[in-house]
Amino acid sequence: MNVKQFFFLFCAVLSSFTLTGQVSGNAAIEAKINEFIELTNNQEWDKAFDLIYPKLFTKVPKQDLVDMMVGMEADGLLLNMSNTKITSTSAPMKVGNETFIKVNYTADMRVSVRPNGLYDAQKSMMAIEEQFQHTYGKENVKLDMDRKQYQIKANKTIMAIQADGADWTLLEINMDEPELMTSLLPPTVMETVVRTQ
């Protein structure tokens, strides 16, 4: 896995499990998000990724995501989320046997670098800061070198997806990877739901 892929997956996972609050009109989605949060807070990655849109794993093996998160923690990159707020949801859109709802949200994220861990070097920390700035916007990322901590104000989007008779699953929307997004979501969803503000 190359560096760009790693940071795309890292940011997707980082953002996906920060959601809290009320999803307007859909208690089932809220329950699924809360379940995902609980599992990730307990580092139960295998169970947490069972809640991700299964089609993603045709592009990126589930075990790669599990290994990435376990390895990231072992190497000394620690995550903390707060002040999460869902700002809007789209109307449900049904395509084939699947229903799609876009959820926009904001969150404060803190990423700490463990002293003497793999990332505890200025060059590594600056590279991570640059990637976070690319993902979240330069004005939304602050690096405190003394505390070895990134403060991030995220404005993100996640798609809740339900196949007929199945539970809701979650997919982080990241248009820095347009080919991946178009391979996972139907064209009508991309044009009508994803690419609209």
Protein backbone atom coordinates (compact mmCIF):
# COMPACT_ATOMS: atom_id res chain seq x y z
CA MET A 1 0.00 0.00 0.00
CA ASN A 2 1.50 3.34 -1.00
CA VAL A 3 1.58 6.48 1.17
CA LYS A 4 -1.36 8.15 -0.61
CA GLN A 5 -3.54 5.06 -0.18
CA PHE A 6 -2.50 4.78 3.47
CA PHE A 7 -3.49 8.35 4.28
CA PHE A 8 -6.75 8.10 2.34
CA LEU A 9 -7.72 5.04 4.35
CA PHE A 10 -6.43 6.54 7.59
CA CYS A 11 -8.43 9.74 7.12
CA ALA A 12 -11.51 7.79 6.08
CA VAL A 13 -11.37 5.64 9.18
CA LEU A 14 -10.47 8.57 11.40
CA SER A 15 -13.48 10.51 10.16
CA SER A 16 -15.93 7.66 10.00
CA PHE A 17 -15.86 6.72 13.63
CA THR A 18 -16.24 10.24 15.01
CA LEU A 19 -19.95 10.59 14.33
CA THR A 20 -22.36 11.16 17.18
CA GLY A 21 -25.67 12.90 17.56
CA GLN A 22 -29.06 12.61 15.98
CA VAL A 23 -29.50 11.69 12.34
CA SER A 24 -32.74 13.43 11.51
CA GLY A 25 -35.58 10.99 11.06
CA ASN A 26 -33.58 7.77 11.06
CA ALA A 27 -32.93 6.10 14.40
CA ALA A 28 -31.51 3.02 12.65
CA ILE A 29 -28.66 5.04 11.13
CA GLU A 30 -27.97 6.74 14.45
CA ALA A 31 -27.86 3.32 16.15
CA LYS A 32 -25.45 1.98 13.54
CA ILE A 33 -23.15 4.98 13.92
CA ASN A 34 -23.21 4.66 17.72
CA GLU A 35 -22.39 0.96 17.44
CA PHE A 36 -19.44 1.80 15.19
CA ILE A 37 -18.18 4.39 17.69
CA GLU A 38 -18.37 1.95 20.59
CA LEU A 39 -16.50 -0.75 18.70
CA THR A 40 -13.75 1.59 17.54
CA ASN A 41 -13.35 3.16 20.98
CA ASN A 42 -12.78 -0.38 22.26
CA GLN A 43 -10.34 -1.07 19.39
CA GLU A 44 -12.56 -3.91 18.16
CA TRP A 45 -11.56 -3.18 14.58
CA ASP A 46 -12.72 -6.43 13.01
CA LYS A 47 -16.26 -5.94 14.31
CA ALA A 48 -16.17 -2.21 13.54
CA PHE A 49 -15.30 -2.81 9.91
CA ASP A 50 -18.20 -5.25 9.63
CA LEU A 51 -20.32 -2.08 9.66
CA ILE A 52 -18.57 -0.58 6.62
CA TYR A 53 -20.15 -0.78 3.14
CA PRO A 54 -19.05 -4.26 1.98
CA LYS A 55 -18.32 -3.14 -1.57
CA LEU A 56 -15.30 -1.21 -0.23
CA PHE A 57 -13.63 -4.53 0.56
CA THR A 58 -13.65 -5.48 -3.11
CA LYS A 59 -11.14 -2.62 -3.52
CA VAL A 60 -9.31 -2.70 -0.17
CA PRO A 61 -9.24 -5.97 1.82
CA LYS A 62 -10.89 -5.67 5.21
CA GLN A 63 -7.86 -7.22 6.90
CA ASP A 64 -5.66 -4.44 5.48
CA LEU A 65 -7.82 -1.86 7.28
CA VAL A 66 -7.74 -3.84 10.52
CA ASP A 67 -3.97 -4.26 10.28
CA MET A 68 -3.54 -0.55 9.50
CA MET A 69 -5.45 0.57 12.59
CA VAL A 70 -3.76 -1.93 14.90
CA GLY A 71 -0.36 -1.00 13.48
CA MET A 72 -1.04 2.73 13.69
CA GLU A 73 -1.81 2.48 17.40
CA ALA A 74 1.16 0.20 18.02
CA ASP A 75 3.41 2.68 16.20
CA GLY A 76 2.20 5.54 18.39
CA LEU A 77 -0.49 7.51 16.54
CA LEU A 78 -3.43 8.00 18.92
CA LEU A 79 -6.90 9.37 18.12
CA ASN A 80 -9.46 11.31 20.14
CA MET A 81 -12.78 12.81 18.96
CA SER A 82 -15.08 15.46 20.44
CA ASN A 83 -17.78 18.05 19.65
CA THR A 84 -19.23 16.10 16.77
CA LYS A 85 -22.34 17.52 15.17
CA ILE A 86 -24.43 16.25 12.27
CA THR A 87 -25.26 19.30 10.18
CA SER A 88 -27.54 17.82 7.50
CA THR A 89 -28.82 14.67 5.84
CA SER A 90 -30.03 14.16 2.29
CA ALA A 91 -33.36 12.70 1.26
CA PRO A 92 -33.11 8.93 0.80
CA MET A 93 -32.27 7.85 -2.75
CA LYS A 94 -33.07 4.32 -3.90
CA VAL A 95 -31.07 2.71 -6.70
CA GLY A 96 -31.74 -0.94 -7.44
CA ASN A 97 -32.05 -2.69 -4.10
CA GLU A 98 -30.03 -0.09 -2.17
CA THR A 99 -30.99 3.14 -0.39
CA PHE A 100 -28.43 5.94 0.05
CA ILE A 101 -28.51 8.82 2.58
CA LYS A 102 -25.71 11.41 2.71
CA VAL A 103 -24.80 12.65 6.19
CA ASN A 104 -22.76 15.85 6.59
CA TYR A 105 -21.05 16.48 9.92
CA THR A 106 -18.38 18.45 11.74
CA ALA A 107 -16.00 17.22 14.43
CA ASP A 108 -12.99 18.28 16.47
CA MET A 109 -10.26 15.68 16.19
CA ARG A 110 -7.05 15.34 18.14
CA VAL A 111 -4.27 13.11 16.86
CA SER A 112 -1.38 12.60 19.28
CA VAL A 113 2.07 11.25 18.50
CA ARG A 114 3.41 9.00 21.26
CA PRO A 115 6.92 10.01 22.42
CA ASN A 116 9.56 7.69 20.97
CA GLY A 117 7.01 6.09 18.66
CA LEU A 118 7.50 5.55 14.94
CA TYR A 119 6.05 8.98 14.05
CA ASP A 120 8.01 10.92 16.70
CA ALA A 121 10.32 12.70 14.28
CA GLN A 122 9.96 16.17 12.82
CA LYS A 123 10.07 14.95 9.22
CA SER A 124 7.32 12.38 9.85
CA MET A 125 5.16 14.84 11.75
CA MET A 126 5.47 17.49 9.03
CA ALA A 127 4.52 14.93 6.36
CA ILE A 128 1.46 13.90 8.35
CA GLU A 129 0.51 17.56 8.87
CA GLU A 130 0.73 18.18 5.13
CA GLN A 131 -1.55 15.24 4.40
CA PHE A 132 -4.07 16.37 7.02
CA GLN A 133 -4.01 19.89 5.53
CA HIS A 134 -4.71 18.45 2.10
CA THR A 135 -7.63 16.42 3.45
CA TYR A 136 -9.21 18.90 5.88
CA GLY A 137 -7.92 22.29 4.64
CA LYS A 138 -4.84 24.15 5.83
CA GLU A 139 -6.89 26.52 7.99
CA ASN A 140 -8.46 23.56 9.85
CA VAL A 141 -5.25 21.83 10.96
CA LYS A 142 -2.91 22.98 13.73
CA LEU A 143 0.23 21.15 14.82
CA ASP A 144 1.54 21.70 18.34
CA MET A 145 5.11 20.40 18.10
CA ASP A 146 5.69 20.75 21.85
CA ARG A 147 2.73 18.53 22.71
CA LYS A 148 3.21 16.41 19.57
CA GLN A 149 -0.45 16.89 18.76
CA TYR A 150 -2.61 17.76 15.75
CA GLN A 151 -5.88 19.65 16.28
CA ILE A 152 -8.24 19.21 13.34
CA LYS A 153 -11.62 20.81 12.61
CA ALA A 154 -13.23 18.43 10.16
CA ASN A 155 -16.14 19.02 7.82
CA LYS A 156 -16.88 15.62 6.36
CA THR A 157 -19.49 13.50 4.63
CA ILE A 158 -20.43 9.90 5.12
CA MET A 159 -22.90 7.81 3.12
CA ALA A 160 -25.31 5.50 4.92
CA ILE A 161 -26.30 2.62 2.64
CA GLN A 162 -28.95 -0.05 3.11
CA ALA A 163 -29.69 -3.01 0.86
CA ASP A 164 -33.27 -4.36 0.99
CA GLY A 165 -33.80 -6.20 4.25
CA ALA A 166 -30.25 -5.58 5.49
CA ASP A 167 -28.71 -3.33 8.12
CA TRP A 168 -27.33 0.12 7.31
CA THR A 169 -23.63 0.30 6.44
CA LEU A 170 -21.30 3.31 6.29
CA LEU A 171 -18.94 4.71 3.65
CA GLU A 172 -16.76 7.81 4.02
CA ILE A 173 -17.01 10.12 1.00
CA ASN A 174 -13.60 11.37 -0.17
CA MET A 175 -13.54 13.07 -3.56
CA ASP A 176 -9.73 13.13 -3.46
CA GLU A 177 -10.20 9.56 -4.68
CA PRO A 178 -12.83 10.06 -7.42
CA GLU A 179 -12.13 6.77 -9.18
CA LEU A 180 -12.69 4.84 -5.97
CA MET A 181 -15.90 6.72 -5.24
CA THR A 182 -17.30 6.16 -8.74
CA SER A 183 -16.42 2.48 -8.52
CA LEU A 184 -18.36 2.13 -5.26
CA LEU A 185 -21.43 4.31 -5.83
CA PRO A 186 -23.97 4.33 -8.71
CA PRO A 187 -23.66 7.20 -11.21
CA THR A 188 -27.04 8.65 -10.22
CA VAL A 189 -25.97 8.79 -6.56
CA MET A 190 -22.67 10.41 -7.50
CA GLU A 191 -24.36 13.10 -9.60
CA THR A 192 -27.48 13.74 -7.53
CA VAL A 193 -26.24 13.20 -3.96
CA VAL A 194 -22.43 13.13 -3.68
CA ARG A 195 -21.45 15.98 -6.00
CA THR A 196 -24.12 18.36 -4.67
CA GLN A 197 -23.33 20.71 -1.80
